[in-house]
């Protein structure tokens, strides 16, 4: 459980019951910086990927305490960036819960889980250059802005992103693969 001011949340591993949350996160205003809303088939496919991520990462739902209300998602997964094995991280918080520090707390908790695995040295975030909230979270959590870049998301669509990188070795858990 993490706390910021009076906001309390916890992250829990993604489960089948989180499908409704995924549909709620697919609202047009939520997908503005991610290429637009997905079809029902795409959401079901995403849900299946989240459930079957296995040893390649972990997806979580974000629950606001004390009532355990689902308010978003956060997760990390293995990826290759510029020929290097990395973790990539992403998050989404429903509009009524944005601006309260929930995403920052959840992203920090997910980073701690990724760090504990001691699998990859770096975790990257690729928010759209036009997404001030997600870019602010990267700054708050001490990611280093590497560059702007073209990023394919969703598949077949190129978006302009900031490449933020966090060195997990600096999190105090020793050396990881390079």
N, C-alpha and C. Protein backbone atom coordinates (compact mmCIF):
# COMPACT_ATOMS: atom_id res chain seq x y z
N UNK A 1 0.85 -1.18 0.00
CA UNK A 1 0.00 0.00 0.00
C UNK A 1 0.89 1.24 0.00
N UNK A 2 0.53 2.20 -0.81
CA UNK A 2 1.27 3.45 -0.89
C UNK A 2 0.35 4.59 -0.49
N UNK A 3 0.95 5.69 -0.05
CA UNK A 3 0.14 6.82 0.40
C UNK A 3 0.77 8.12 -0.07
N UNK A 4 -0.04 9.04 -0.57
CA UNK A 4 0.39 10.40 -0.87
C UNK A 4 -0.71 11.32 -0.36
N UNK A 5 -0.33 12.22 0.53
CA UNK A 5 -1.32 13.07 1.20
C UNK A 5 -2.39 12.17 1.81
N UNK A 6 -3.64 12.33 1.40
CA UNK A 6 -4.68 11.46 1.94
C UNK A 6 -5.11 10.40 0.93
N UNK A 7 -4.37 10.25 -0.15
CA UNK A 7 -4.70 9.26 -1.18
C UNK A 7 -4.00 7.95 -0.82
N UNK A 8 -4.79 6.89 -0.75
CA UNK A 8 -4.22 5.57 -0.50
C UNK A 8 -4.65 4.65 -1.63
N UNK A 9 -3.68 3.95 -2.16
CA UNK A 9 -3.98 2.99 -3.23
C UNK A 9 -3.18 1.72 -2.98
N UNK A 10 -3.53 0.69 -3.71
CA UNK A 10 -2.69 -0.49 -3.80
C UNK A 10 -2.78 -0.99 -5.23
N UNK A 11 -1.74 -1.69 -5.64
CA UNK A 11 -1.80 -2.34 -6.95
C UNK A 11 -1.90 -3.83 -6.70
N UNK A 12 -2.68 -4.48 -7.54
CA UNK A 12 -2.82 -5.94 -7.42
C UNK A 12 -2.69 -6.55 -8.81
N UNK A 13 -2.13 -7.75 -8.88
CA UNK A 13 -1.96 -8.39 -10.19
C UNK A 13 -3.28 -8.45 -10.96
N UNK A 14 -3.17 -8.22 -12.26
CA UNK A 14 -4.33 -8.23 -13.16
C UNK A 14 -5.01 -9.59 -13.10
N UNK A 15 -6.34 -9.57 -13.08
CA UNK A 15 -7.10 -10.81 -13.06
C UNK A 15 -8.31 -10.69 -13.98
N UNK A 16 -8.97 -11.80 -14.20
CA UNK A 16 -10.09 -11.84 -15.14
C UNK A 16 -11.16 -10.81 -14.80
N UNK A 17 -11.39 -10.57 -13.51
CA UNK A 17 -12.42 -9.62 -13.08
C UNK A 17 -12.11 -8.18 -13.48
N UNK A 18 -10.89 -7.92 -13.96
CA UNK A 18 -10.50 -6.56 -14.34
C UNK A 18 -10.89 -6.18 -15.76
N UNK A 19 -11.56 -7.07 -16.47
CA UNK A 19 -11.97 -6.77 -17.85
C UNK A 19 -12.85 -5.52 -17.90
N UNK A 20 -13.78 -5.37 -16.97
CA UNK A 20 -14.65 -4.18 -16.97
C UNK A 20 -13.81 -2.90 -16.86
N UNK A 21 -12.80 -2.91 -16.01
CA UNK A 21 -11.90 -1.76 -15.87
C UNK A 21 -11.24 -1.44 -17.20
N UNK A 22 -10.80 -2.46 -17.92
CA UNK A 22 -10.14 -2.25 -19.20
C UNK A 22 -11.09 -1.57 -20.19
N UNK A 23 -12.35 -1.98 -20.20
CA UNK A 23 -13.33 -1.30 -21.06
C UNK A 23 -13.50 0.16 -20.64
N UNK A 24 -13.51 0.43 -19.34
CA UNK A 24 -13.65 1.81 -18.86
C UNK A 24 -12.43 2.65 -19.23
N UNK A 25 -11.26 2.05 -19.20
CA UNK A 25 -10.02 2.77 -19.55
C UNK A 25 -9.93 3.04 -21.06
N UNK A 26 -10.79 2.42 -21.84
CA UNK A 26 -10.78 2.56 -23.29
C UNK A 26 -11.63 3.74 -23.78
N UNK A 27 -12.11 4.56 -22.88
CA UNK A 27 -12.93 5.73 -23.26
C UNK A 27 -12.10 6.66 -24.15
N UNK A 28 -12.75 7.34 -25.10
CA UNK A 28 -12.01 8.21 -26.03
C UNK A 28 -11.07 9.20 -25.34
N UNK A 29 -11.50 9.84 -24.24
CA UNK A 29 -10.64 10.80 -23.57
C UNK A 29 -9.42 10.13 -22.92
N UNK A 30 -9.53 8.84 -22.63
CA UNK A 30 -8.41 8.09 -22.05
C UNK A 30 -7.42 7.65 -23.13
N UNK A 31 -7.89 7.50 -24.34
CA UNK A 31 -7.06 6.96 -25.41
C UNK A 31 -6.56 8.04 -26.36
N UNK A 32 -6.79 9.30 -26.00
CA UNK A 32 -6.43 10.44 -26.85
C UNK A 32 -4.95 10.41 -27.26
N UNK A 33 -4.06 10.07 -26.34
CA UNK A 33 -2.63 10.08 -26.62
C UNK A 33 -2.11 8.71 -27.05
N UNK A 34 -3.04 7.76 -27.27
CA UNK A 34 -2.63 6.39 -27.60
C UNK A 34 -3.27 5.89 -28.89
N UNK A 35 -3.58 6.78 -29.78
CA UNK A 35 -4.09 6.36 -31.08
C UNK A 35 -5.58 6.14 -31.15
N UNK A 36 -6.33 6.46 -30.11
CA UNK A 36 -7.78 6.32 -30.13
C UNK A 36 -8.27 5.04 -29.48
N UNK A 37 -9.56 4.97 -29.27
CA UNK A 37 -10.18 3.82 -28.62
C UNK A 37 -10.00 2.55 -29.43
N UNK A 38 -9.97 1.44 -28.71
CA UNK A 38 -9.83 0.13 -29.35
C UNK A 38 -11.20 -0.51 -29.52
N UNK A 39 -11.29 -1.44 -30.46
CA UNK A 39 -12.52 -2.20 -30.67
C UNK A 39 -12.67 -3.21 -29.52
N UNK A 40 -13.86 -3.77 -29.40
CA UNK A 40 -14.10 -4.80 -28.38
C UNK A 40 -13.13 -5.96 -28.55
N UNK A 41 -12.91 -6.37 -29.78
CA UNK A 41 -11.98 -7.47 -30.06
C UNK A 41 -10.56 -7.12 -29.59
N UNK A 42 -10.12 -5.89 -29.82
CA UNK A 42 -8.79 -5.45 -29.39
C UNK A 42 -8.69 -5.42 -27.86
N UNK A 43 -9.75 -4.98 -27.20
CA UNK A 43 -9.75 -4.94 -25.73
C UNK A 43 -9.67 -6.36 -25.18
N UNK A 44 -10.45 -7.27 -25.74
CA UNK A 44 -10.41 -8.66 -25.27
C UNK A 44 -9.03 -9.27 -25.49
N UNK A 45 -8.40 -8.94 -26.60
CA UNK A 45 -7.04 -9.41 -26.89
C UNK A 45 -6.04 -8.83 -25.88
N UNK A 46 -6.17 -7.54 -25.57
CA UNK A 46 -5.30 -6.89 -24.59
C UNK A 46 -5.47 -7.55 -23.21
N UNK A 47 -6.71 -7.78 -22.83
CA UNK A 47 -7.01 -8.42 -21.55
C UNK A 47 -6.32 -9.79 -21.47
N UNK A 48 -6.41 -10.55 -22.53
CA UNK A 48 -5.76 -11.87 -22.58
C UNK A 48 -4.24 -11.73 -22.43
N UNK A 49 -3.65 -10.74 -23.11
CA UNK A 49 -2.20 -10.51 -22.98
C UNK A 49 -1.83 -10.15 -21.54
N UNK A 50 -2.66 -9.32 -20.92
CA UNK A 50 -2.40 -8.93 -19.53
C UNK A 50 -2.42 -10.16 -18.62
N UNK A 51 -3.39 -11.04 -18.84
CA UNK A 51 -3.52 -12.24 -18.01
C UNK A 51 -2.38 -13.23 -18.25
N UNK A 52 -1.85 -13.25 -19.46
CA UNK A 52 -0.86 -14.26 -19.84
C UNK A 52 0.57 -13.71 -19.92
N UNK A 53 0.83 -12.56 -19.31
CA UNK A 53 2.14 -11.93 -19.45
C UNK A 53 3.26 -12.80 -18.86
N UNK A 54 2.94 -13.60 -17.86
CA UNK A 54 3.90 -14.55 -17.31
C UNK A 54 5.17 -13.91 -16.81
N UNK A 55 6.29 -14.49 -17.16
CA UNK A 55 7.59 -14.01 -16.66
C UNK A 55 8.11 -12.81 -17.45
N UNK A 56 7.35 -12.33 -18.43
CA UNK A 56 7.79 -11.20 -19.26
C UNK A 56 7.46 -9.84 -18.65
N UNK A 57 6.81 -9.84 -17.49
CA UNK A 57 6.43 -8.59 -16.85
C UNK A 57 5.28 -8.81 -15.91
N UNK A 58 4.54 -7.74 -15.63
CA UNK A 58 3.40 -7.85 -14.74
C UNK A 58 2.46 -6.67 -14.98
N UNK A 59 1.19 -6.97 -15.09
CA UNK A 59 0.16 -5.92 -15.18
C UNK A 59 -0.61 -5.92 -13.86
N UNK A 60 -1.04 -4.71 -13.47
CA UNK A 60 -1.75 -4.53 -12.21
C UNK A 60 -2.97 -3.66 -12.42
N UNK A 61 -3.99 -3.88 -11.62
CA UNK A 61 -5.06 -2.89 -11.51
C UNK A 61 -4.70 -2.01 -10.32
N UNK A 62 -5.12 -0.76 -10.39
CA UNK A 62 -4.89 0.20 -9.31
C UNK A 62 -6.20 0.33 -8.54
N UNK A 63 -6.14 0.08 -7.24
CA UNK A 63 -7.33 0.14 -6.41
C UNK A 63 -7.19 1.27 -5.41
N UNK A 64 -8.23 2.11 -5.31
CA UNK A 64 -8.23 3.17 -4.30
C UNK A 64 -8.76 2.58 -3.01
N UNK A 65 -8.06 2.87 -1.92
CA UNK A 65 -8.47 2.39 -0.61
C UNK A 65 -9.30 3.47 0.09
N UNK A 66 -10.16 3.13 0.99
CA UNK A 66 -10.33 1.81 1.58
C UNK A 66 -11.34 0.92 0.87
N UNK A 67 -12.09 1.48 -0.10
CA UNK A 67 -13.20 0.71 -0.70
C UNK A 67 -12.78 -0.19 -1.85
N UNK A 68 -11.47 -0.24 -2.19
CA UNK A 68 -10.93 -1.09 -3.26
C UNK A 68 -11.57 -0.80 -4.62
N UNK A 69 -11.86 0.47 -4.85
CA UNK A 69 -12.45 0.87 -6.13
C UNK A 69 -11.38 0.85 -7.23
N UNK A 70 -11.63 0.11 -8.34
CA UNK A 70 -10.65 0.10 -9.44
C UNK A 70 -10.62 1.47 -10.12
N UNK A 71 -9.41 2.07 -10.19
CA UNK A 71 -9.30 3.41 -10.74
C UNK A 71 -8.30 3.50 -11.89
N UNK A 72 -7.61 2.40 -12.20
CA UNK A 72 -6.66 2.45 -13.29
C UNK A 72 -5.84 1.19 -13.41
N UNK A 73 -4.84 1.28 -14.28
CA UNK A 73 -3.93 0.14 -14.49
C UNK A 73 -2.50 0.66 -14.59
N UNK A 74 -1.57 -0.22 -14.29
CA UNK A 74 -0.15 0.06 -14.42
C UNK A 74 0.53 -1.27 -14.69
N UNK A 75 1.60 -1.24 -15.44
CA UNK A 75 2.32 -2.48 -15.67
C UNK A 75 3.63 -2.24 -16.38
N UNK A 76 4.43 -3.29 -16.36
CA UNK A 76 5.71 -3.27 -17.06
C UNK A 76 5.86 -4.59 -17.79
N UNK A 77 6.63 -4.55 -18.88
CA UNK A 77 6.81 -5.74 -19.70
C UNK A 77 8.16 -5.64 -20.39
N UNK A 78 8.67 -6.81 -20.77
CA UNK A 78 9.95 -6.85 -21.48
C UNK A 78 9.77 -6.32 -22.89
N UNK A 79 10.77 -5.62 -23.34
CA UNK A 79 10.77 -5.05 -24.67
C UNK A 79 12.22 -4.92 -25.13
N UNK A 80 12.40 -4.66 -26.40
CA UNK A 80 13.73 -4.39 -26.93
C UNK A 80 13.71 -2.97 -27.47
N UNK A 81 14.66 -2.15 -27.02
CA UNK A 81 14.79 -0.79 -27.49
C UNK A 81 16.22 -0.57 -27.92
N UNK A 82 16.40 -0.22 -29.18
CA UNK A 82 17.73 0.02 -29.74
C UNK A 82 18.67 -1.15 -29.42
N UNK A 83 18.19 -2.37 -29.71
CA UNK A 83 18.93 -3.62 -29.54
C UNK A 83 19.26 -3.96 -28.09
N UNK A 84 18.58 -3.36 -27.15
CA UNK A 84 18.83 -3.63 -25.73
C UNK A 84 17.55 -4.17 -25.08
N UNK A 85 17.69 -5.22 -24.27
CA UNK A 85 16.56 -5.75 -23.50
C UNK A 85 16.26 -4.77 -22.36
N UNK A 86 15.02 -4.34 -22.28
CA UNK A 86 14.60 -3.38 -21.26
C UNK A 86 13.23 -3.80 -20.74
N UNK A 87 12.80 -3.11 -19.70
CA UNK A 87 11.40 -3.10 -19.34
C UNK A 87 10.81 -1.82 -19.89
N UNK A 88 9.58 -1.92 -20.32
CA UNK A 88 8.79 -0.76 -20.70
C UNK A 88 7.67 -0.67 -19.67
N UNK A 89 7.27 0.53 -19.31
CA UNK A 89 6.20 0.71 -18.32
C UNK A 89 5.12 1.61 -18.90
N UNK A 90 3.89 1.33 -18.52
CA UNK A 90 2.77 2.15 -18.95
C UNK A 90 1.70 2.18 -17.87
N UNK A 91 0.84 3.20 -17.92
CA UNK A 91 -0.19 3.37 -16.90
C UNK A 91 -1.35 4.14 -17.46
N UNK A 92 -2.47 4.05 -16.75
CA UNK A 92 -3.68 4.75 -17.14
C UNK A 92 -4.57 4.88 -15.90
N UNK A 93 -5.08 6.08 -15.65
CA UNK A 93 -5.96 6.32 -14.51
C UNK A 93 -7.23 6.99 -15.02
N UNK A 94 -8.38 6.51 -14.57
CA UNK A 94 -9.66 7.06 -15.00
C UNK A 94 -9.76 8.56 -14.69
N UNK A 95 -10.41 9.34 -15.56
CA UNK A 95 -10.47 10.80 -15.41
C UNK A 95 -10.88 11.32 -14.03
N UNK A 96 -11.90 10.75 -13.36
CA UNK A 96 -12.27 11.33 -12.07
C UNK A 96 -11.17 11.21 -11.00
N UNK A 97 -10.18 10.36 -11.26
CA UNK A 97 -9.13 10.10 -10.27
C UNK A 97 -7.78 10.69 -10.67
N UNK A 98 -7.74 11.38 -11.80
CA UNK A 98 -6.50 11.99 -12.25
C UNK A 98 -6.20 13.25 -11.45
N UNK A 99 -4.92 13.61 -11.40
CA UNK A 99 -4.51 14.82 -10.72
C UNK A 99 -4.44 14.71 -9.21
N UNK A 100 -4.53 13.50 -8.69
CA UNK A 100 -4.51 13.28 -7.24
C UNK A 100 -3.26 12.55 -6.78
N UNK A 101 -2.34 12.28 -7.71
CA UNK A 101 -1.12 11.56 -7.35
C UNK A 101 -1.23 10.05 -7.45
N UNK A 102 -2.38 9.55 -7.85
CA UNK A 102 -2.59 8.10 -7.90
C UNK A 102 -1.63 7.44 -8.90
N UNK A 103 -1.52 7.99 -10.09
CA UNK A 103 -0.64 7.37 -11.10
C UNK A 103 0.81 7.38 -10.62
N UNK A 104 1.26 8.47 -10.03
CA UNK A 104 2.64 8.54 -9.55
C UNK A 104 2.91 7.45 -8.51
N UNK A 105 2.00 7.30 -7.57
CA UNK A 105 2.15 6.29 -6.52
C UNK A 105 2.16 4.89 -7.14
N UNK A 106 1.23 4.64 -8.07
CA UNK A 106 1.13 3.32 -8.70
C UNK A 106 2.35 2.99 -9.56
N UNK A 107 2.83 3.98 -10.33
CA UNK A 107 4.01 3.76 -11.17
C UNK A 107 5.22 3.46 -10.29
N UNK A 108 5.36 4.19 -9.20
CA UNK A 108 6.47 3.95 -8.27
C UNK A 108 6.40 2.52 -7.72
N UNK A 109 5.21 2.08 -7.33
CA UNK A 109 5.04 0.72 -6.80
C UNK A 109 5.39 -0.34 -7.85
N UNK A 110 4.98 -0.12 -9.10
CA UNK A 110 5.29 -1.06 -10.18
C UNK A 110 6.80 -1.09 -10.45
N UNK A 111 7.44 0.08 -10.42
CA UNK A 111 8.89 0.14 -10.63
C UNK A 111 9.60 -0.65 -9.53
N UNK A 112 9.13 -0.53 -8.30
CA UNK A 112 9.74 -1.29 -7.20
C UNK A 112 9.62 -2.79 -7.43
N UNK A 113 8.49 -3.23 -7.98
CA UNK A 113 8.32 -4.66 -8.28
C UNK A 113 9.28 -5.08 -9.40
N UNK A 114 9.38 -4.27 -10.44
CA UNK A 114 10.30 -4.59 -11.54
C UNK A 114 11.74 -4.62 -11.05
N UNK A 115 12.08 -3.67 -10.21
CA UNK A 115 13.44 -3.57 -9.66
C UNK A 115 13.78 -4.83 -8.85
N UNK A 116 12.82 -5.29 -8.06
CA UNK A 116 13.05 -6.46 -7.21
C UNK A 116 13.35 -7.73 -8.03
N UNK A 117 12.88 -7.77 -9.26
CA UNK A 117 13.15 -8.93 -10.12
C UNK A 117 14.62 -9.01 -10.53
N UNK A 118 15.32 -7.89 -10.51
CA UNK A 118 16.73 -7.82 -10.88
C UNK A 118 16.99 -8.49 -12.23
N UNK A 119 16.16 -8.15 -13.20
CA UNK A 119 16.23 -8.78 -14.52
C UNK A 119 16.83 -7.85 -15.57
N UNK A 120 16.41 -6.60 -15.59
CA UNK A 120 16.88 -5.63 -16.58
C UNK A 120 17.38 -4.39 -15.86
N UNK A 121 18.35 -3.75 -16.47
CA UNK A 121 18.93 -2.55 -15.84
C UNK A 121 18.02 -1.33 -15.99
N UNK A 122 17.36 -1.22 -17.14
CA UNK A 122 16.59 -0.01 -17.42
C UNK A 122 15.11 -0.30 -17.59
N UNK A 123 14.32 0.70 -17.18
CA UNK A 123 12.89 0.69 -17.47
C UNK A 123 12.60 2.00 -18.21
N UNK A 124 11.90 1.90 -19.32
CA UNK A 124 11.60 3.06 -20.16
C UNK A 124 10.10 3.34 -20.16
N UNK A 125 9.77 4.60 -20.28
CA UNK A 125 8.39 5.04 -20.50
C UNK A 125 8.40 5.86 -21.78
N UNK A 126 7.36 5.73 -22.58
CA UNK A 126 7.27 6.41 -23.87
C UNK A 126 5.96 7.19 -23.99
N UNK A 127 5.73 8.18 -23.12
CA UNK A 127 4.50 8.96 -23.25
C UNK A 127 4.56 9.88 -24.47
N UNK A 128 3.41 10.14 -25.04
CA UNK A 128 3.31 11.09 -26.14
C UNK A 128 3.90 12.43 -25.70
N UNK A 129 4.54 13.11 -26.64
CA UNK A 129 5.07 14.44 -26.32
C UNK A 129 3.93 15.40 -25.96
N UNK A 130 2.70 15.06 -26.35
CA UNK A 130 1.53 15.90 -26.09
C UNK A 130 0.76 15.49 -24.83
N UNK A 131 1.38 14.64 -23.99
CA UNK A 131 0.72 14.17 -22.78
C UNK A 131 1.46 14.73 -21.56
N UNK A 132 1.10 15.96 -21.14
CA UNK A 132 1.86 16.60 -20.05
C UNK A 132 1.79 15.83 -18.74
N UNK A 133 0.65 15.21 -18.43
CA UNK A 133 0.52 14.49 -17.17
C UNK A 133 1.48 13.32 -17.06
N UNK A 134 1.55 12.49 -18.09
CA UNK A 134 2.44 11.33 -18.05
C UNK A 134 3.91 11.75 -18.07
N UNK A 135 4.23 12.80 -18.81
CA UNK A 135 5.60 13.30 -18.81
C UNK A 135 5.98 13.85 -17.43
N UNK A 136 5.04 14.49 -16.75
CA UNK A 136 5.31 15.01 -15.39
C UNK A 136 5.57 13.86 -14.41
N UNK A 137 4.86 12.76 -14.56
CA UNK A 137 5.10 11.60 -13.69
C UNK A 137 6.52 11.09 -13.88
N UNK A 138 6.98 11.02 -15.11
CA UNK A 138 8.35 10.58 -15.37
C UNK A 138 9.36 11.50 -14.68
N UNK A 139 9.13 12.81 -14.77
CA UNK A 139 10.03 13.75 -14.10
C UNK A 139 10.01 13.55 -12.58
N UNK A 140 8.81 13.41 -12.01
CA UNK A 140 8.67 13.26 -10.56
C UNK A 140 9.40 12.01 -10.05
N UNK A 141 9.42 10.97 -10.87
CA UNK A 141 10.01 9.70 -10.44
C UNK A 141 11.47 9.55 -10.88
N UNK A 142 12.07 10.67 -11.29
CA UNK A 142 13.51 10.71 -11.62
C UNK A 142 13.91 9.90 -12.84
N UNK A 143 12.99 9.74 -13.78
CA UNK A 143 13.38 9.20 -15.08
C UNK A 143 14.25 10.26 -15.76
N UNK A 144 15.14 9.82 -16.61
CA UNK A 144 15.97 10.75 -17.38
C UNK A 144 15.41 10.85 -18.79
N UNK A 145 15.17 12.07 -19.26
CA UNK A 145 14.68 12.26 -20.63
C UNK A 145 15.85 12.02 -21.58
N UNK A 146 15.72 10.98 -22.39
CA UNK A 146 16.78 10.62 -23.34
C UNK A 146 16.62 11.41 -24.63
N UNK A 147 15.40 11.40 -25.19
CA UNK A 147 15.16 12.08 -26.47
C UNK A 147 13.70 11.98 -26.84
N UNK A 148 13.32 12.75 -27.84
CA UNK A 148 12.04 12.50 -28.52
C UNK A 148 12.30 11.36 -29.49
N UNK A 149 11.26 10.61 -29.79
CA UNK A 149 11.43 9.50 -30.73
C UNK A 149 10.09 9.18 -31.38
N UNK A 150 10.17 8.48 -32.51
CA UNK A 150 8.97 7.93 -33.13
C UNK A 150 8.75 6.56 -32.52
N UNK A 151 7.51 6.27 -32.15
CA UNK A 151 7.18 5.03 -31.47
C UNK A 151 5.94 4.46 -32.13
N UNK A 152 5.96 3.20 -32.44
CA UNK A 152 4.81 2.57 -33.09
C UNK A 152 3.83 2.09 -32.03
N UNK A 153 2.73 2.81 -31.93
CA UNK A 153 1.64 2.42 -31.06
C UNK A 153 0.40 3.22 -31.43
N UNK A 154 -0.71 2.54 -31.58
CA UNK A 154 -0.82 1.09 -31.69
C UNK A 154 -0.13 0.58 -32.95
N UNK A 155 0.01 -0.75 -33.07
CA UNK A 155 0.68 -1.29 -34.26
C UNK A 155 0.12 -0.68 -35.55
N UNK A 156 1.06 -0.21 -36.38
CA UNK A 156 0.68 0.40 -37.64
C UNK A 156 0.54 1.91 -37.57
N UNK A 157 0.67 2.48 -36.38
CA UNK A 157 0.53 3.92 -36.20
C UNK A 157 1.77 4.46 -35.48
N UNK A 158 2.38 5.48 -36.05
CA UNK A 158 3.57 6.09 -35.45
C UNK A 158 3.15 7.32 -34.66
N UNK A 159 3.62 7.40 -33.43
CA UNK A 159 3.34 8.58 -32.61
C UNK A 159 4.67 9.16 -32.13
N UNK A 160 4.67 10.46 -31.89
CA UNK A 160 5.88 11.14 -31.39
C UNK A 160 5.86 11.08 -29.87
N UNK A 161 6.91 10.52 -29.29
CA UNK A 161 6.98 10.29 -27.85
C UNK A 161 8.26 10.85 -27.26
N UNK A 162 8.25 10.97 -25.96
CA UNK A 162 9.47 11.20 -25.21
C UNK A 162 9.96 9.84 -24.72
N UNK A 163 11.24 9.60 -24.84
CA UNK A 163 11.86 8.38 -24.34
C UNK A 163 12.46 8.72 -22.98
N UNK A 164 11.80 8.26 -21.93
CA UNK A 164 12.26 8.45 -20.55
C UNK A 164 12.87 7.14 -20.08
N UNK A 165 14.01 7.21 -19.39
CA UNK A 165 14.68 6.00 -18.92
C UNK A 165 15.04 6.15 -17.44
N UNK A 166 14.80 5.08 -16.70
CA UNK A 166 15.18 5.02 -15.30
C UNK A 166 16.16 3.86 -15.13
N UNK A 167 17.30 4.15 -14.51
CA UNK A 167 18.32 3.13 -14.25
C UNK A 167 17.95 2.41 -12.96
N UNK A 168 17.56 1.15 -13.08
CA UNK A 168 17.14 0.39 -11.91
C UNK A 168 18.30 0.08 -10.98
N UNK A 169 19.53 0.13 -11.49
CA UNK A 169 20.70 -0.05 -10.62
C UNK A 169 20.76 1.06 -9.57
N UNK A 170 20.26 2.23 -9.92
CA UNK A 170 20.27 3.36 -9.00
C UNK A 170 19.18 3.24 -7.94
N UNK A 171 18.35 2.22 -8.06
CA UNK A 171 17.27 2.01 -7.08
C UNK A 171 17.78 1.23 -5.86
N UNK A 172 19.08 0.84 -5.88
CA UNK A 172 19.65 0.21 -4.70
C UNK A 172 19.56 -1.30 -4.65
N UNK A 173 19.39 -1.94 -5.79
CA UNK A 173 19.28 -3.40 -5.76
C UNK A 173 20.40 -4.09 -6.53
N UNK A 174 21.52 -3.42 -6.73
CA UNK A 174 22.66 -4.11 -7.34
C UNK A 174 22.63 -4.11 -8.85
N UNK A 175 23.54 -4.87 -9.42
CA UNK A 175 23.74 -4.89 -10.88
C UNK A 175 22.71 -5.78 -11.57
N UNK A 176 22.33 -5.36 -12.74
CA UNK A 176 21.46 -6.13 -13.63
C UNK A 176 22.16 -6.28 -14.96
N UNK A 177 21.55 -7.06 -15.81
CA UNK A 177 22.12 -7.23 -17.15
C UNK A 177 22.16 -5.89 -17.88
N UNK A 178 23.07 -5.78 -18.78
CA UNK A 178 23.19 -4.53 -19.56
C UNK A 178 22.78 -4.86 -20.94
